[in-house]
Amino acid sequence: MKATIWHNPRCSKSREALAILNDTPGVEVEIVEYLKTPPSRAELAATYAKGGMSPRDGLRKAEDGAKALAGADDDAILDAMAADPILIERPLVITEKGVRIGRPPESIREIL
C-alpha cells in the first residue's frame, strides 16, 4: 500500500506519524515536505473532499494567519492555504482508504 504524508520534519506529531508509517509492514511511504513543495489549491480541495472533511477541518488554527479566517468560507480558506502552506494542519496522510490528519498520530492507522 502506498501512503503519502504531508510532512513537516520540525513537527513532533508529523515525525510520530511518519514513524508509524515506516513501522507498518507493506506500506510504501511518499514524503512530501509541503512547506517546500506546497499542494495546489485544487489538490487541497480534492484531498479534503476525499477525506470527507472541509478545508476548515484542515486549517492549522494555531497559526496567526488562521485567526483572520475565523468567518471565512471554504474558498477563502483554500486560497489562504495555497498562498501560505503553514496554514495546512499537519501531518496529513493519504492512502487509497482515505485521508486523515494525524492528530493524534495514531489516527492514521484507520486508513492503513
PDB file of N, CA and C in Angstrom:
ATOM      1  N   MET A   1       0.838  -1.177   0.000  1.00  0.00           N
ATOM      2  CA  MET A   1       0.000   0.000   0.000  1.00  0.00           C
ATOM      3  C   MET A   1       0.880   1.236   0.000  1.00  0.00           C
ATOM      4  N   LYS A   2       0.445   2.225  -0.752  1.00  0.00           N
ATOM      5  CA  LYS A   2       1.163   3.495  -0.781  1.00  0.00           C
ATOM      6  C   LYS A   2       0.502   4.468   0.185  1.00  0.00           C
ATOM      7  N   ALA A   3       1.321   5.185   0.939  1.00  0.00           N
ATOM      8  CA  ALA A   3       0.836   6.233   1.829  1.00  0.00           C
ATOM      9  C   ALA A   3       1.660   7.486   1.564  1.00  0.00           C
ATOM     10  N   THR A   4       0.967   8.596   1.375  1.00  0.00           N
ATOM     11  CA  THR A   4       1.628   9.880   1.202  1.00  0.00           C
ATOM     12  C   THR A   4       1.406  10.687   2.463  1.00  0.00           C
ATOM     13  N   ILE A   5       2.486  11.264   2.985  1.00  0.00           N
ATOM     14  CA  ILE A   5       2.376  12.111   4.166  1.00  0.00           C
ATOM     15  C   ILE A   5       2.827  13.516   3.805  1.00  0.00           C
ATOM     16  N   TRP A   6       1.969  14.488   4.120  1.00  0.00           N
ATOM     17  CA  TRP A   6       2.360  15.887   4.028  1.00  0.00           C
ATOM     18  C   TRP A   6       3.043  16.170   5.359  1.00  0.00           C
ATOM     19  N   HIS A   7       4.340  16.331   5.300  1.00  0.00           N
ATOM     20  CA  HIS A   7       5.214  16.243   6.467  1.00  0.00           C
ATOM     21  C   HIS A   7       5.964  17.540   6.714  1.00  0.00           C
ATOM     22  N   ASN A   8       6.110  17.862   7.990  1.00  0.00           N
ATOM     23  CA  ASN A   8       6.991  18.938   8.428  1.00  0.00           C
ATOM     24  C   ASN A   8       7.956  18.299   9.419  1.00  0.00           C
ATOM     25  N   PRO A   9       9.225  18.127   9.037  1.00  0.00           N
ATOM     26  CA  PRO A   9      10.170  17.434   9.917  1.00  0.00           C
ATOM     27  C   PRO A   9      10.412  18.137  11.249  1.00  0.00           C
ATOM     28  N   ARG A  10      10.016  19.386  11.366  1.00  0.00           N
ATOM     29  CA  ARG A  10      10.197  20.112  12.630  1.00  0.00           C
ATOM     30  C   ARG A  10       9.064  19.848  13.614  1.00  0.00           C
ATOM     31  N   CYS A  11       8.009  19.174  13.167  1.00  0.00           N
ATOM     32  CA  CYS A  11       6.821  18.930  13.985  1.00  0.00           C
ATOM     33  C   CYS A  11       6.877  17.544  14.618  1.00  0.00           C
ATOM     34  N   SER A  12       6.729  17.461  15.927  1.00  0.00           N
ATOM     35  CA  SER A  12       6.808  16.167  16.616  1.00  0.00           C
ATOM     36  C   SER A  12       5.665  15.243  16.199  1.00  0.00           C
ATOM     37  N   LYS A  13       4.460  15.759  16.015  1.00  0.00           N
ATOM     38  CA  LYS A  13       3.330  14.912  15.603  1.00  0.00           C
ATOM     39  C   LYS A  13       3.562  14.361  14.200  1.00  0.00           C
ATOM     40  N   SER A  14       4.150  15.173  13.342  1.00  0.00           N
ATOM     41  CA  SER A  14       4.459  14.727  11.986  1.00  0.00           C
ATOM     42  C   SER A  14       5.524  13.631  12.016  1.00  0.00           C
ATOM     43  N   ARG A  15       6.529  13.804  12.847  1.00  0.00           N
ATOM     44  CA  ARG A  15       7.569  12.776  12.977  1.00  0.00           C
ATOM     45  C   ARG A  15       6.989  11.486  13.548  1.00  0.00           C
ATOM     46  N   GLU A  16       6.064  11.590  14.506  1.00  0.00           N
ATOM     47  CA  GLU A  16       5.427  10.401  15.076  1.00  0.00           C
ATOM     48  C   GLU A  16       4.597   9.668  14.022  1.00  0.00           C
ATOM     49  N   ALA A  17       3.842  10.412  13.227  1.00  0.00           N
ATOM     50  CA  ALA A  17       3.040   9.789  12.171  1.00  0.00           C
ATOM     51  C   ALA A  17       3.936   9.104  11.145  1.00  0.00           C
ATOM     52  N   LEU A  18       5.034   9.744  10.783  1.00  0.00           N
ATOM     53  CA  LEU A  18       5.970   9.146   9.833  1.00  0.00           C
ATOM     54  C   LEU A  18       6.554   7.853  10.402  1.00  0.00           C
ATOM     55  N   ALA A  19       6.858   7.836  11.685  1.00  0.00           N
ATOM     56  CA  ALA A  19       7.379   6.621  12.315  1.00  0.00           C
ATOM     57  C   ALA A  19       6.351   5.496  12.251  1.00  0.00           C
ATOM     58  N   ILE A  20       5.072   5.810  12.473  1.00  0.00           N
ATOM     59  CA  ILE A  20       4.022   4.790  12.368  1.00  0.00           C
ATOM     60  C   ILE A  20       3.998   4.233  10.957  1.00  0.00           C
ATOM     61  N   LEU A  21       4.043   5.109   9.965  1.00  0.00           N
ATOM     62  CA  LEU A  21       4.032   4.660   8.570  1.00  0.00           C
ATOM     63  C   LEU A  21       5.234   3.768   8.278  1.00  0.00           C
ATOM     64  N   ASN A  22       6.410   4.216   8.698  1.00  0.00           N
ATOM     65  CA  ASN A  22       7.635   3.451   8.428  1.00  0.00           C
ATOM     66  C   ASN A  22       7.653   2.114   9.150  1.00  0.00           C
ATOM     67  N   ASP A  23       6.971   2.023  10.284  1.00  0.00           N
ATOM     68  CA  ASP A  23       6.948   0.783  11.069  1.00  0.00           C
ATOM     69  C   ASP A  23       5.823  -0.171  10.674  1.00  0.00           C
ATOM     70  N   THR A  24       4.978   0.246   9.730  1.00  0.00           N
ATOM     71  CA  THR A  24       3.863  -0.594   9.305  1.00  0.00           C
ATOM     72  C   THR A  24       4.287  -1.417   8.093  1.00  0.00           C
ATOM     73  N   PRO A  25       4.318  -2.746   8.237  1.00  0.00           N
ATOM     74  CA  PRO A  25       4.739  -3.608   7.119  1.00  0.00           C
ATOM     75  C   PRO A  25       3.860  -3.394   5.882  1.00  0.00           C
ATOM     76  N   GLY A  26       4.491  -3.404   4.733  1.00  0.00           N
ATOM     77  CA  GLY A  26       3.779  -3.303   3.467  1.00  0.00           C
ATOM     78  C   GLY A  26       3.391  -1.902   3.041  1.00  0.00           C
ATOM     79  N   VAL A  27       3.804  -0.894   3.800  1.00  0.00           N
ATOM     80  CA  VAL A  27       3.463   0.485   3.451  1.00  0.00           C
ATOM     81  C   VAL A  27       4.658   1.139   2.771  1.00  0.00           C
ATOM     82  N   GLU A  28       4.427   1.611   1.562  1.00  0.00           N
ATOM     83  CA  GLU A  28       5.424   2.371   0.813  1.00  0.00           C
ATOM     84  C   GLU A  28       5.117   3.843   1.059  1.00  0.00           C
ATOM     85  N   VAL A  29       6.047   4.552   1.684  1.00  0.00           N
ATOM     86  CA  VAL A  29       5.806   5.923   2.128  1.00  0.00           C
ATOM     87  C   VAL A  29       6.376   6.930   1.139  1.00  0.00           C
ATOM     88  N   GLU A  30       5.538   7.873   0.744  1.00  0.00           N
ATOM     89  CA  GLU A  30       5.984   9.024  -0.028  1.00  0.00           C
ATOM     90  C   GLU A  30       5.908  10.231   0.905  1.00  0.00           C
ATOM     91  N   ILE A  31       7.027  10.893   1.086  1.00  0.00           N
ATOM     92  CA  ILE A  31       7.090  12.054   1.973  1.00  0.00           C
ATOM     93  C   ILE A  31       7.051  13.312   1.121  1.00  0.00           C
ATOM     94  N   VAL A  32       6.104  14.174   1.429  1.00  0.00           N
ATOM     95  CA  VAL A  32       6.010  15.470   0.762  1.00  0.00           C
ATOM     96  C   VAL A  32       6.212  16.533   1.835  1.00  0.00           C
ATOM     97  N   GLU A  33       7.317  17.231   1.767  1.00  0.00           N
ATOM     98  CA  GLU A  33       7.533  18.343   2.691  1.00  0.00           C
ATOM     99  C   GLU A  33       6.744  19.517   2.125  1.00  0.00           C
ATOM    100  N   TYR A  34       5.509  19.624   2.585  1.00  0.00           N
ATOM    101  CA  TYR A  34       4.544  20.534   1.984  1.00  0.00           C
ATOM    102  C   TYR A  34       4.914  22.008   2.120  1.00  0.00           C
ATOM    103  N   LEU A  35       5.804  22.340   3.029  1.00  0.00           N
ATOM    104  CA  LEU A  35       6.247  23.738   3.115  1.00  0.00           C
ATOM    105  C   LEU A  35       7.240  24.061   2.002  1.00  0.00           C
ATOM    106  N   LYS A  36       7.969  23.051   1.532  1.00  0.00           N
ATOM    107  CA  LYS A  36       8.918  23.225   0.419  1.00  0.00           C
ATOM    108  C   LYS A  36       8.233  23.007  -0.926  1.00  0.00           C
ATOM    109  N   THR A  37       7.278  22.083  -0.969  1.00  0.00           N
ATOM    110  CA  THR A  37       6.552  21.745  -2.190  1.00  0.00           C
ATOM    111  C   THR A  37       5.059  21.801  -1.863  1.00  0.00           C
ATOM    112  N   PRO A  38       4.492  22.993  -1.818  1.00  0.00           N
ATOM    113  CA  PRO A  38       3.095  23.121  -1.395  1.00  0.00           C
ATOM    114  C   PRO A  38       2.118  22.518  -2.394  1.00  0.00           C
ATOM    115  N   PRO A  39       1.024  21.955  -1.888  1.00  0.00           N
ATOM    116  CA  PRO A  39      -0.023  21.462  -2.785  1.00  0.00           C
ATOM    117  C   PRO A  39      -0.748  22.647  -3.421  1.00  0.00           C
ATOM    118  N   SER A  40      -1.306  22.405  -4.584  1.00  0.00           N
ATOM    119  CA  SER A  40      -2.097  23.443  -5.245  1.00  0.00           C
ATOM    120  C   SER A  40      -3.442  23.573  -4.533  1.00  0.00           C
ATOM    121  N   ARG A  41      -4.135  24.633  -4.855  1.00  0.00           N
ATOM    122  CA  ARG A  41      -5.469  24.834  -4.291  1.00  0.00           C
ATOM    123  C   ARG A  41      -6.379  23.667  -4.681  1.00  0.00           C
ATOM    124  N   ALA A  42      -6.287  23.243  -5.947  1.00  0.00           N
ATOM    125  CA  ALA A  42      -7.112  22.124  -6.421  1.00  0.00           C
ATOM    126  C   ALA A  42      -6.760  20.836  -5.687  1.00  0.00           C
ATOM    127  N   GLU A  43      -5.479  20.613  -5.444  1.00  0.00           N
ATOM    128  CA  GLU A  43      -5.056  19.410  -4.723  1.00  0.00           C
ATOM    129  C   GLU A  43      -5.559  19.444  -3.282  1.00  0.00           C
ATOM    130  N   LEU A  44      -5.501  20.611  -2.658  1.00  0.00           N
ATOM    131  CA  LEU A  44      -6.039  20.749  -1.303  1.00  0.00           C
ATOM    132  C   LEU A  44      -7.524  20.404  -1.279  1.00  0.00           C
ATOM    133  N   ALA A  45      -8.279  21.000  -2.196  1.00  0.00           N
ATOM    134  CA  ALA A  45      -9.730  20.769  -2.235  1.00  0.00           C
ATOM    135  C   ALA A  45     -10.041  19.287  -2.449  1.00  0.00           C
ATOM    136  N   ALA A  46      -9.350  18.658  -3.389  1.00  0.00           N
ATOM    137  CA  ALA A  46      -9.588  17.243  -3.680  1.00  0.00           C
ATOM    138  C   ALA A  46      -9.216  16.355  -2.495  1.00  0.00           C
ATOM    139  N   THR A  47      -8.126  16.684  -1.825  1.00  0.00           N
ATOM    140  CA  THR A  47      -7.669  15.882  -0.686  1.00  0.00           C
ATOM    141  C   THR A  47      -8.668  15.952   0.461  1.00  0.00           C
ATOM    142  N   TYR A  48      -9.117  17.155   0.786  1.00  0.00           N
ATOM    143  CA  TYR A  48     -10.095  17.284   1.870  1.00  0.00           C
ATOM    144  C   TYR A  48     -11.413  16.604   1.500  1.00  0.00           C
ATOM    145  N   ALA A  49     -11.829  16.725   0.244  1.00  0.00           N
ATOM    146  CA  ALA A  49     -13.060  16.059  -0.192  1.00  0.00           C
ATOM    147  C   ALA A  49     -12.928  14.548  -0.064  1.00  0.00           C
ATOM    148  N   LYS A  50     -11.773  14.002  -0.460  1.00  0.00           N
ATOM    149  CA  LYS A  50     -11.546  12.560  -0.349  1.00  0.00           C
ATOM    150  C   LYS A  50     -11.620  12.104   1.108  1.00  0.00           C
ATOM    151  N   GLY A  51     -11.171  12.965   2.006  1.00  0.00           N
ATOM    152  CA  GLY A  51     -11.196  12.629   3.431  1.00  0.00           C
ATOM    153  C   GLY A  51     -12.517  12.925   4.106  1.00  0.00           C
ATOM    154  N   GLY A  52     -13.472  13.478   3.352  1.00  0.00           N
ATOM    155  CA  GLY A  52     -14.764  13.797   3.941  1.00  0.00           C
ATOM    156  C   GLY A  52     -14.691  14.927   4.946  1.00  0.00           C
ATOM    157  N   MET A  53     -13.751  15.839   4.717  1.00  0.00           N
ATOM    158  CA  MET A  53     -13.591  16.961   5.635  1.00  0.00           C
ATOM    159  C   MET A  53     -13.641  18.275   4.874  1.00  0.00           C
ATOM    160  N   SER A  54     -13.891  19.314   5.600  1.00  0.00           N
ATOM    161  CA  SER A  54     -13.925  20.641   4.992  1.00  0.00           C
ATOM    162  C   SER A  54     -12.536  21.258   5.074  1.00  0.00           C
ATOM    163  N   PRO A  55     -12.268  22.258   4.258  1.00  0.00           N
ATOM    164  CA  PRO A  55     -10.990  22.964   4.384  1.00  0.00           C
ATOM    165  C   PRO A  55     -10.777  23.514   5.801  1.00  0.00           C
ATOM    166  N   ARG A  56     -11.849  23.931   6.457  1.00  0.00           N
ATOM    167  CA  ARG A  56     -11.709  24.438   7.831  1.00  0.00           C
ATOM    168  C   ARG A  56     -11.166  23.343   8.751  1.00  0.00           C
ATOM    169  N   ASP A  57     -11.554  22.085   8.514  1.00  0.00           N
ATOM    170  CA  ASP A  57     -11.038  20.966   9.314  1.00  0.00           C
ATOM    171  C   ASP A  57      -9.527  20.839   9.142  1.00  0.00           C
ATOM    172  N   GLY A  58      -9.030  21.214   7.969  1.00  0.00           N
ATOM    173  CA  GLY A  58      -7.608  21.095   7.674  1.00  0.00           C
ATOM    174  C   GLY A  58      -6.810  22.354   7.945  1.00  0.00           C
ATOM    175  N   LEU A  59      -7.449  23.350   8.537  1.00  0.00           N
ATOM    176  CA  LEU A  59      -6.789  24.621   8.834  1.00  0.00           C
ATOM    177  C   LEU A  59      -6.031  24.529  10.155  1.00  0.00           C
ATOM    178  N   ARG A  60      -4.785  24.928  10.129  1.00  0.00           N
ATOM    179  CA  ARG A  60      -3.971  24.957  11.342  1.00  0.00           C
ATOM    180  C   ARG A  60      -4.337  26.203  12.132  1.00  0.00           C
ATOM    181  N   LYS A  61      -5.290  26.051  13.018  1.00  0.00           N
ATOM    182  CA  LYS A  61      -5.914  27.185  13.698  1.00  0.00           C
ATOM    183  C   LYS A  61      -4.979  27.946  14.633  1.00  0.00           C
ATOM    184  N   ALA A  62      -3.890  27.339  15.051  1.00  0.00           N
ATOM    185  CA  ALA A  62      -2.963  27.993  15.968  1.00  0.00           C
ATOM    186  C   ALA A  62      -2.083  29.037  15.275  1.00  0.00           C
ATOM    187  N   GLU A  63      -2.056  29.011  13.955  1.00  0.00           N
ATOM    188  CA  GLU A  63      -1.222  29.967  13.214  1.00  0.00           C
ATOM    189  C   GLU A  63      -1.881  31.342  13.202  1.00  0.00           C
ATOM    190  N   ASP A  64      -1.048  32.374  13.266  1.00  0.00           N
ATOM    191  CA  ASP A  64      -1.555  33.742  13.260  1.00  0.00           C
ATOM    192  C   ASP A  64      -2.452  34.007  12.054  1.00  0.00           C
ATOM    193  N   GLY A  65      -2.066  33.525  10.881  1.00  0.00           N
ATOM    194  CA  GLY A  65      -2.840  33.759   9.672  1.00  0.00           C
ATOM    195  C   GLY A  65      -4.221  33.128   9.703  1.00  0.00           C
ATOM    196  N   ALA A  66      -4.414  32.129  10.545  1.00  0.00           N
ATOM    197  CA  ALA A  66      -5.711  31.452  10.621  1.00  0.00           C
ATOM    198  C   ALA A  66      -6.742  32.301  11.353  1.00  0.00           C
ATOM    199  N   LYS A  67      -6.303  33.139  12.235  1.00  0.00           N
ATOM    200  CA  LYS A  67      -7.234  33.957  13.011  1.00  0.00           C
ATOM    201  C   LYS A  67      -8.060  34.869  12.100  1.00  0.00           C
ATOM    202  N   ALA A  68      -7.456  35.345  11.034  1.00  0.00           N
ATOM    203  CA  ALA A  68      -8.162  36.211  10.081  1.00  0.00           C
ATOM    204  C   ALA A  68      -9.209  35.448   9.279  1.00  0.00           C
ATOM    205  N   LEU A  69      -9.180  34.124   9.344  1.00  0.00           N
ATOM    206  CA  LEU A  69     -10.104  33.289   8.576  1.00  0.00           C
ATOM    207  C   LEU A  69     -11.270  32.778   9.412  1.00  0.00           C
ATOM    208  N   ALA A  70     -11.460  33.344  10.592  1.00  0.00           N
ATOM    209  CA  ALA A  70     -12.485  32.853  11.520  1.00  0.00           C
ATOM    210  C   ALA A  70     -13.870  32.759  10.879  1.00  0.00           C
ATOM    211  N   GLY A  71     -14.271  33.745  10.104  1.00  0.00           N
ATOM    212  CA  GLY A  71     -15.593  33.720   9.486  1.00  0.00           C
ATOM    213  C   GLY A  71     -15.560  33.418   8.000  1.00  0.00           C
ATOM    214  N   ALA A  72     -14.423  32.974   7.517  1.00  0.00           N
ATOM    215  CA  ALA A  72     -14.234  32.775   6.079  1.00  0.00           C
ATOM    216  C   ALA A  72     -14.932  31.519   5.575  1.00  0.00           C
ATOM    217  N   ASP A  73     -15.283  31.541   4.283  1.00  0.00           N
ATOM    218  CA  ASP A  73     -15.861  30.351   3.666  1.00  0.00           C
ATOM    219  C   ASP A  73     -14.747  29.435   3.168  1.00  0.00           C
ATOM    220  N   ASP A  74     -15.135  28.258   2.680  1.00  0.00           N
ATOM    221  CA  ASP A  74     -14.158  27.260   2.246  1.00  0.00           C
ATOM    222  C   ASP A  74     -13.245  27.786   1.147  1.00  0.00           C
ATOM    223  N   ASP A  75     -13.795  28.549   0.211  1.00  0.00           N
ATOM    224  CA  ASP A  75     -12.975  29.077  -0.881  1.00  0.00           C
ATOM    225  C   ASP A  75     -11.871  29.991  -0.357  1.00  0.00           C
ATOM    226  N   ALA A  76     -12.206  30.852   0.578  1.00  0.00           N
ATOM    227  CA  ALA A  76     -11.208  31.764   1.145  1.00  0.00           C
ATOM    228  C   ALA A  76     -10.141  30.990   1.920  1.00  0.00           C
ATOM    229  N   ILE A  77     -10.559  29.948   2.621  1.00  0.00           N
ATOM    230  CA  ILE A  77      -9.602  29.133   3.376  1.00  0.00           C
ATOM    231  C   ILE A  77      -8.648  28.418   2.426  1.00  0.00           C
ATOM    232  N   LEU A  78      -9.183  27.834   1.361  1.00  0.00           N
ATOM    233  CA  LEU A  78      -8.330  27.166   0.372  1.00  0.00           C
ATOM    234  C   LEU A  78      -7.359  28.149  -0.271  1.00  0.00           C
ATOM    235  N   ASP A  79      -7.840  29.333  -0.608  1.00  0.00           N
ATOM    236  CA  ASP A  79      -6.966  30.362  -1.186  1.00  0.00           C
ATOM    237  C   ASP A  79      -5.835  30.698  -0.221  1.00  0.00           C
ATOM    238  N   ALA A  80      -6.169  30.861   1.049  1.00  0.00           N
ATOM    239  CA  ALA A  80      -5.163  31.213   2.058  1.00  0.00           C
ATOM    240  C   ALA A  80      -4.144  30.093   2.238  1.00  0.00           C
ATOM    241  N   MET A  81      -4.618  28.842   2.273  1.00  0.00           N
ATOM    242  CA  MET A  81      -3.706  27.707   2.424  1.00  0.00           C
ATOM    243  C   MET A  81      -2.769  27.590   1.223  1.00  0.00           C
ATOM    244  N   ALA A  82      -3.310  27.809   0.032  1.00  0.00           N
ATOM    245  CA  ALA A  82      -2.482  27.721  -1.171  1.00  0.00           C
ATOM    246  C   ALA A  82      -1.428  28.822  -1.180  1.00  0.00           C
ATOM    247  N   ALA A  83      -1.780  29.994  -0.666  1.00  0.00           N
ATOM    248  CA  ALA A  83      -0.849  31.117  -0.633  1.00  0.00           C
ATOM    249  C   ALA A  83       0.176  30.984   0.499  1.00  0.00           C
ATOM    250  N   ASP A  84      -0.230  30.356   1.602  1.00  0.00           N
ATOM    251  CA  ASP A  84       0.633  30.236   2.776  1.00  0.00           C
ATOM    252  C   ASP A  84       0.467  28.846   3.383  1.00  0.00           C
ATOM    253  N   PRO A  85       1.242  27.853   2.905  1.00  0.00           N
ATOM    254  CA  PRO A  85       1.035  26.461   3.326  1.00  0.00           C
ATOM    255  C   PRO A  85       1.254  26.193   4.814  1.00  0.00           C
ATOM    256  N   ILE A  86       1.813  27.136   5.559  1.00  0.00           N
ATOM    257  CA  ILE A  86       1.943  26.935   7.005  1.00  0.00           C
ATOM    258  C   ILE A  86       0.555  26.799   7.638  1.00  0.00           C
ATOM    259  N   LEU A  87      -0.484  27.256   6.923  1.00  0.00           N
ATOM    260  CA  LEU A  87      -1.854  27.173   7.426  1.00  0.00           C
ATOM    261  C   LEU A  87      -2.453  25.779   7.305  1.00  0.00           C
ATOM    262  N   ILE A  88      -1.758  24.857   6.645  1.00  0.00           N
ATOM    263  CA  ILE A  88      -2.246  23.489   6.475  1.00  0.00           C
ATOM    264  C   ILE A  88      -1.916  22.682   7.728  1.00  0.00           C
ATOM    265  N   GLU A  89      -2.937  22.096   8.337  1.00  0.00           N
ATOM    266  CA  GLU A  89      -2.708  21.259   9.525  1.00  0.00           C
ATOM    267  C   GLU A  89      -1.902  20.038   9.136  1.00  0.00           C
ATOM    268  N   ARG A  90      -1.015  19.668   9.985  1.00  0.00           N
ATOM    269  CA  ARG A  90      -0.116  18.551   9.727  1.00  0.00           C
ATOM    270  C   ARG A  90      -0.139  17.588  10.897  1.00  0.00           C
ATOM    271  N   PRO A  91       0.303  16.396  10.659  1.00  0.00           N
ATOM    272  CA  PRO A  91       0.583  15.776   9.376  1.00  0.00           C
ATOM    273  C   PRO A  91      -0.719  15.327   8.721  1.00  0.00           C
ATOM    274  N   LEU A  92      -0.699  15.233   7.433  1.00  0.00           N
ATOM    275  CA  LEU A  92      -1.850  14.752   6.689  1.00  0.00           C
ATOM    276  C   LEU A  92      -1.395  13.525   5.912  1.00  0.00           C
ATOM    277  N   VAL A  93      -2.131  12.424   6.067  1.00  0.00           N
ATOM    278  CA  VAL A  93      -1.750  11.161   5.424  1.00  0.00           C
ATOM    279  C   VAL A  93      -2.863  10.743   4.467  1.00  0.00           C
ATOM    280  N   ILE A  94      -2.441  10.353   3.268  1.00  0.00           N
ATOM    281  CA  ILE A  94      -3.362   9.966   2.208  1.00  0.00           C
ATOM    282  C   ILE A  94      -3.035   8.539   1.776  1.00  0.00           C
ATOM    283  N   THR A  95      -4.047   7.666   1.773  1.00  0.00           N
ATOM    284  CA  THR A  95      -3.905   6.317   1.226  1.00  0.00           C
ATOM    285  C   THR A  95      -5.133   6.046   0.361  1.00  0.00           C
ATOM    286  N   GLU A  96      -5.163   4.875  -0.258  1.00  0.00           N
ATOM    287  CA  GLU A  96      -6.341   4.517  -1.059  1.00  0.00           C
ATOM    288  C   GLU A  96      -7.573   4.355  -0.186  1.00  0.00           C
ATOM    289  N   LYS A  97      -7.377   4.191   1.129  1.00  0.00           N
ATOM    290  CA  LYS A  97      -8.502   4.016   2.048  1.00  0.00           C
ATOM    291  C   LYS A  97      -9.046   5.331   2.597  1.00  0.00           C
ATOM    292  N   GLY A  98      -8.346   6.435   2.340  1.00  0.00           N
ATOM    293  CA  GLY A  98      -8.847   7.714   2.825  1.00  0.00           C
ATOM    294  C   GLY A  98      -7.752   8.691   3.183  1.00  0.00           C
ATOM    295  N   VAL A  99      -8.155   9.705   3.913  1.00  0.00           N
ATOM    296  CA  VAL A  99      -7.272  10.797   4.328  1.00  0.00           C
ATOM    297  C   VAL A  99      -7.503  11.034   5.812  1.00  0.00           C
ATOM    298  N   ARG A 100      -6.428  11.208   6.550  1.00  0.00           N
ATOM    299  CA  ARG A 100      -6.530  11.543   7.973  1.00  0.00           C
ATOM    300  C   ARG A 100      -5.485  12.593   8.329  1.00  0.00           C
ATOM    301  N   ILE A 101      -5.888  13.481   9.212  1.00  0.00           N
ATOM    302  CA  ILE A 101      -4.938  14.389   9.836  1.00  0.00           C
ATOM    303  C   ILE A 101      -4.417  13.647  11.061  1.00  0.00           C
ATOM    304  N   GLY A 102      -3.116  13.557  11.186  1.00  0.00           N
ATOM    305  CA  GLY A 102      -2.501  12.760  12.243  1.00  0.00           C
ATOM    306  C   GLY A 102      -2.439  13.453  13.585  1.00  0.00           C
ATOM    307  N   ARG A 103      -3.577  13.859  14.080  1.00  0.00           N
ATOM    308  CA  ARG A 103      -3.670  14.455  15.408  1.00  0.00           C
ATOM    309  C   ARG A 103      -4.823  13.776  16.131  1.00  0.00           C
ATOM    310  N   PRO A 104      -4.555  12.801  16.942  1.00  0.00           N
ATOM    311  CA  PRO A 104      -3.249  12.263  17.309  1.00  0.00           C
ATOM    312  C   PRO A 104      -2.676  11.401  16.183  1.00  0.00           C
ATOM    313  N   PRO A 105      -1.372  11.188  16.200  1.00  0.00           N
ATOM    314  CA  PRO A 105      -0.735  10.403  15.132  1.00  0.00           C
ATOM    315  C   PRO A 105      -1.348   9.026  14.928  1.00  0.00           C
ATOM    316  N   GLU A 106      -1.837   8.399  15.997  1.00  0.00           N
ATOM    317  CA  GLU A 106      -2.399   7.049  15.900  1.00  0.00           C
ATOM    318  C   GLU A 106      -3.645   7.006  15.024  1.00  0.00           C
ATOM    319  N   SER A 107      -4.281   8.149  14.787  1.00  0.00           N
ATOM    320  CA  SER A 107      -5.494   8.171  13.970  1.00  0.00           C
ATOM    321  C   SER A 107      -5.233   7.743  12.520  1.00  0.00           C
ATOM    322  N   ILE A 108      -4.002   7.820  12.089  1.00  0.00           N
ATOM    323  CA  ILE A 108      -3.697   7.416  10.704  1.00  0.00           C
ATOM    324  C   ILE A 108      -3.821   5.908  10.515  1.00  0.00           C
ATOM    325  N   ARG A 109      -3.784   5.156  11.597  1.00  0.00           N
ATOM    326  CA  ARG A 109      -3.911   3.693  11.496  1.00  0.00           C
ATOM    327  C   ARG A 109      -5.255   3.293  10.861  1.00  0.00           C
ATOM    328  N   GLU A 110      -6.263   4.165  10.976  1.00  0.00           N
ATOM    329  CA  GLU A 110      -7.587   3.883  10.418  1.00  0.00           C
ATOM    330  C   GLU A 110      -7.555   3.698   8.902  1.00  0.00           C
ATOM    331  N   ILE A 111      -6.552   4.266   8.234  1.00  0.00           N
ATOM    332  CA  ILE A 111      -6.505   4.201   6.778  1.00  0.00           C
ATOM    333  C   ILE A 111      -5.332   3.375   6.275  1.00  0.00           C
ATOM    334  N   LEU A 112      -4.721   2.599   7.170  1.00  0.00           N
ATOM    335  CA  LEU A 112      -3.601   1.728   6.768  1.00  0.00           C
ATOM    336  C   LEU A 112      -4.097   0.311   6.581  1.00  0.00           C
TER     337      LEU A 112
END
